Amino acid sequence: MVPKTTLPPHILPDILEHLSPSPGPIIDGHGMTSDLTPTEVWERRIRQKTLYRLALVSREVSTFALDALWRQVDDFGNMLSLFPSYDRGEQMFLDCVSDVDWTRFQTYAVRVRGLHLADIDEFHSNVWAILSRLTSPDKPLLPKLERLTGLVISALTICYTFLLSPTIRELELKMRKSAAKGVVNMAMETVQSTLSTIHRLTINDETDFSYIHSGSNRDWNRPPVVQFWTMTQLHTLKVVQPLIALTAAQLEAIASFPNLWSLDLNLESMPEIDARPKSGFARLRCLSLSGPFGYIAQFVQATSIPVLESLTISSSFGCPPTTPPDADSGGLMESMFFALPASIERLYLEVISGNHRQSYLMNPSRFFGSFRGFIALRHLEIAFKTPLSLSDEVLYSLRDAWPELRRFKVTGCSTDTRHRPDEYRVVGPDRRPIWPQHRSSQLSIESDSPMLSTVAAFAHGHPRLKFFEVPALDLEALPDLDTVPILDHGLREFRVGELPANAPLFNYALILDLLFPRLDLSNAQRAVASSAGADISHVSLILLGLQAGRAGMHWERAKRLGEYDGNTVRVPRSVRISRTAGLHQARTIMGGRAGVRHGNFLRSVRSPNTSLFTANQLPAARDG
């Protein structure tokens, strides 16, 4: 008989910690709360079911599995379902809570660290009456609660007092549009004691502030939900609603918070500041700003933040309803990035333009050049919602810009001329500008997309790169497979927003395999035919790849070329692509041969002096 093996006491909880679901509104890498995606919700349910099954395995495992399962509760109704007398359908108690049931409930309540209040107003009033009798201010319902999200400021807020445990350190407040001044006063008096001890605060006001721009003073006498600029104990502050009346005194007060680590603001105005604060934001490491770019630039230049690790900007140029004085957007952006510390490791930028004639946004080289000063950059993610795109020339100029880069992501959108400034609209409680969705997202045929040889040079100059994504690639300049050496880069994810029609997918895949042999392709295992069905050629392409892998001939040919050294002979755009009316011609320089494509046919001619890769990478046998 095999003796029973027991794990050390600290090992099992560590294992189950990896299965524990993350909070509903989570704290992400930027230090901000964010909603879960559908994929994350699905994964969350799988984790919860796994922990539930583990809790049934044995008493030895049950305690630790239940601790992990109940650490974060998505719905307050799940807690109430622990009472046998509670009816989930009616959302009310149908009988009294016995002492035995209350004792059993407490064994689960003590495990809860995070609670999200989903549709709490739908519960019957007897729920609050019964729970209030069972608890007291010194004995709250969840005695070890640390995170409370989804707390709506309403007339019923005074009924939730038993949820406001003194141990809460993270709080999310939501303000309904219908909340009146008196309701706010009552609710804030209820949560005042909790506000004095929290470290992480999120304020989400659903009130429509657009009337401010029309000159109306309707209901503007309503007080703010929280005077957050007075909460000096905060470590993280996120204010979702637009700040239309931020004063210089309030800004300087926030800058003086001694432990403020993460700040997220939606700016709709900026006060006039005569002099920059001599000291402030000493411990700030994560900054996220949204709103018209003019105000964002003023904020950055006015605060002189000494050290930053993460910067997130969601900005609009010339979009309604508010257009700040940012005519010289290029100068504003360059001066803003110059004012930021070089310590930034993560940069996330969303650029939205309501004016297609912004000269700065039409100059990719100048735009990307603004980021060269961040020599410690590890993550760079840029979303263009403008005609600006990442060109081959620009990507090549950045091939060794950030030695520590791990993640490079640039996404674009349609450059269809039907996009007009008046099509920009503001939706949602945060009123951030959203690009309108069109059926076609095809990139302009005039876009100078990067070539694979330029991508290889960029990866070679960033040896730690793990994630790479660009809007499009120029596959008509695909090199001859015989001229591609083995880069053997450690890249794990390679994504392209859109591939051109009639792209040679098989040769494209073979070259990628030589450049990035360690790509994570696990998602491809779940690929299925689209709703329109799939042609057998898709399956044949997979089979062809499997055959190529078994033969390995493309690797054998590449080994004869020696190691890739990062030098690339770039083909001028005028040589690579030429188009005439009604006839598509793509002239491709491929390792000692110049190919001219007419329709779907390729006719090769000699061109011994030009290559996508360096001359010393060409096999000597091909010189003849």
Foldseek 3Di string as FASTA:
>chain_A
DDDDDDDDPVPLLVVLLVLQQAAQQHLDPLRDTDHDDPVSVVSNVVSLVVLVVQLPPDVVRNVSSLLSNQQYEEEVLVLVVLFPQADSVLQEGNDAGDPVSLVVSLVNLQSYAYYEYDPVVSHDPVVLVRLPVVADLVGASRQNHAYYENAEQFQCLLSCLSVLHLNHAAYEYEYDQPHAQVSLVVNCVSCVSSLQRHAAYEYFYLHDPVVVLVVDCPRVPRDDSDLVLVNLNYQYYAYQAEDAPDEPVSLVSQFANPRHAEYAHEYPDDYDDPAADPHGQQRYARYEYEEAPVRVLVSQQRHLHPYYAEYHYAHEAPAPDDHPPCLVVLVSLLVSLVSDDLCYAAYHYEYHYQDQPNVNQQDVQSVVVSNLSNQNYAHDAYEYAYLHFDAQVNLLVCLQSHQNHAYEYYAYWEHPPVRHSVQWFFDDSSRGTDRDDDPDGDYDPPGRAHEVLSVLLSCLNHLNYAYDEGAEYDQLQPADLLLQAAAQGAHAYYYYNDYDPPRPVLSVVLSCCRRHVNYNPVVVVPDDADPVGDDCVVVVSVVVVVVCVVVVPSNVSNVLLPYADSDFDDDDPVQQFDDDVPWGWGWYAYAQWIWIDTPPDTDIDGDRPDHRGDPSSHHPVPND
